[in-house]
Protein backbone atom coordinates (compact mmCIF):
# COMPACT_ATOMS: atom_id res chain seq x y z
CA UNK A 1 108.28 78.92 73.41
CA UNK A 2 109.09 82.63 73.30
CA UNK A 3 107.41 84.90 75.84
CA UNK A 4 104.88 87.32 74.32
CA UNK A 5 104.43 90.95 75.31
CA UNK A 6 101.51 93.22 74.49
CA UNK A 7 102.67 96.81 74.09
CA UNK A 8 100.06 99.59 74.29
CA UNK A 9 100.53 103.21 73.29
CA UNK A 10 99.42 105.95 70.90
CA UNK A 11 102.68 106.80 69.11
CA UNK A 12 103.23 104.25 66.32
CA UNK A 13 106.87 105.15 65.65
CA UNK A 14 107.69 105.01 69.35
CA UNK A 15 106.01 101.59 69.70
CA UNK A 16 107.91 100.35 66.66
CA UNK A 17 111.33 101.45 67.92
CA UNK A 18 110.60 100.30 71.47
CA UNK A 19 109.29 96.99 70.14
CA UNK A 20 112.67 96.39 68.48
CA UNK A 21 114.36 96.96 71.85
CA UNK A 22 111.93 94.60 73.59
CA UNK A 23 112.60 91.91 70.99
CA UNK A 24 116.30 91.92 71.93
CA UNK A 25 115.25 90.36 75.26
CA UNK A 26 113.69 87.38 73.47
CA UNK A 27 110.12 88.68 73.55
CA UNK A 28 107.66 88.46 70.71
CA UNK A 29 105.92 91.86 70.69
CA UNK A 30 102.33 92.62 69.71
CA UNK A 31 101.39 96.31 69.42
CA UNK A 32 98.00 97.85 70.21
CA UNK A 33 97.14 101.49 69.51
CA UNK A 34 93.71 101.75 71.15
CA UNK A 35 92.03 100.44 74.28
CA UNK A 36 89.64 98.44 72.09
CA UNK A 37 92.46 96.81 70.14
CA UNK A 38 94.34 96.09 73.36
CA UNK A 39 91.25 94.51 74.94
CA UNK A 40 90.65 92.34 71.87
CA UNK A 41 94.26 91.12 71.99
CA UNK A 42 93.97 90.37 75.71
CA UNK A 43 90.79 88.37 75.12
CA UNK A 44 92.28 86.42 72.22
CA UNK A 45 95.43 85.02 73.89
CA UNK A 46 97.67 85.00 76.94
CA UNK A 47 100.59 87.38 77.36
CA UNK A 48 103.65 87.07 79.55
CA UNK A 49 104.05 90.83 79.94
CA UNK A 50 102.03 93.98 79.30
CA UNK A 51 104.01 97.11 78.42
CA UNK A 52 102.24 100.45 78.71
CA UNK A 53 103.71 103.52 77.02
CA UNK A 54 103.54 107.05 78.39
CA UNK A 55 102.06 108.11 75.01
CA UNK A 56 98.67 106.76 76.14
CA UNK A 57 96.68 108.69 78.72
CA UNK A 58 96.86 107.74 82.39
CA UNK A 59 93.17 106.84 82.28
CA UNK A 60 93.73 104.42 79.38
CA UNK A 61 96.78 102.88 81.03
CA UNK A 62 94.94 102.34 84.30
CA UNK A 63 91.96 100.88 82.44
CA UNK A 64 94.23 98.36 80.71
CA UNK A 65 96.16 97.43 83.87
CA UNK A 66 92.91 96.88 85.78
CA UNK A 67 91.55 94.69 82.99
CA UNK A 68 94.78 92.66 82.83
CA UNK A 69 94.90 92.02 86.56
CA UNK A 70 91.24 91.03 86.70
CA UNK A 71 91.74 88.47 83.93
CA UNK A 72 95.27 87.33 84.78
CA UNK A 73 96.53 88.49 88.19
CA UNK A 74 99.99 87.02 87.65
CA UNK A 75 100.67 88.90 84.40
CA UNK A 76 103.09 91.76 85.11
CA UNK A 77 102.21 95.24 83.84
CA UNK A 78 105.10 97.59 83.12
CA UNK A 79 104.84 101.35 82.52
CA UNK A 80 107.58 102.96 80.47
CA UNK A 81 107.80 106.58 81.48
CA UNK A 82 110.15 109.41 80.71
CA UNK A 83 108.38 111.54 83.33
CA UNK A 84 108.62 109.11 86.29
CA UNK A 85 104.83 108.84 86.42
CA UNK A 86 103.15 106.29 88.62
CA UNK A 87 99.87 104.69 87.64
CA UNK A 88 97.66 102.58 89.85
CA UNK A 89 97.80 98.91 88.97
CA UNK A 90 101.23 98.78 87.35
CA UNK A 91 103.83 96.42 88.75
CA UNK A 92 106.86 98.43 87.68
CA UNK A 93 107.70 101.85 86.27
CA UNK A 94 110.80 101.98 84.09
CA UNK A 95 112.71 104.82 82.52
CA UNK A 96 112.62 104.82 78.72
CA UNK A 97 116.40 104.51 78.29
CA UNK A 98 117.10 101.34 76.25
CA UNK A 99 119.62 99.80 78.69
CA UNK A 100 117.34 100.41 81.67
CA UNK A 101 114.40 98.99 79.76
CA UNK A 102 116.24 95.82 78.71
CA UNK A 103 117.48 95.20 82.27
CA UNK A 104 113.97 95.75 83.65
CA UNK A 105 112.38 93.34 81.14
CA UNK A 106 114.90 90.64 82.00
CA UNK A 107 114.25 91.11 85.73
CA UNK A 108 110.48 91.07 85.29
CA UNK A 109 110.52 87.97 83.08
CA UNK A 110 112.78 86.11 85.54
CA UNK A 111 110.46 86.99 88.45
CA UNK A 112 107.38 86.10 86.41
CA UNK A 113 108.72 82.69 85.41
CA UNK A 114 109.57 81.73 88.99
CA UNK A 115 106.64 83.19 90.94
CA UNK A 116 102.98 82.18 90.72
CA UNK A 117 101.73 85.64 91.73
CA UNK A 118 102.59 89.21 90.81
CA UNK A 119 105.94 90.24 92.29
CA UNK A 120 106.24 93.76 93.67
CA UNK A 121 109.10 95.13 91.56
CA UNK A 122 110.60 98.59 91.75
CA UNK A 123 112.73 99.28 88.69
CA UNK A 124 112.59 103.04 88.41
CA UNK A 125 115.85 104.57 87.29
CA UNK A 126 117.88 105.90 90.16
CA UNK A 127 119.00 109.53 89.91
């Protein structure tokens, strides 16, 4: 069974192009463009990974990560950021470069499949 990721952000074209990159890692990607839509998706099924885009506000991203970890503490939450932001509640912050993103997803999925609890992962791009 393919792992499923929920991707949340405000920029539809960015989510679409990033979703194509995520799918190269073997993920099935579901996109959500609002907190309400994201919450409905989270209530309707389980996800192996949550991907938050910098196009959503920090408040929205933190709201989603808090909700995810309350419902499913072992589900990793990843923030893709071109500004090296750090949000509370995310398990990893990754640069938006495609190669960095693919490597980070593979690392997160391998940790997630072997560990029963959230792994502390630092995958920020090194200068």
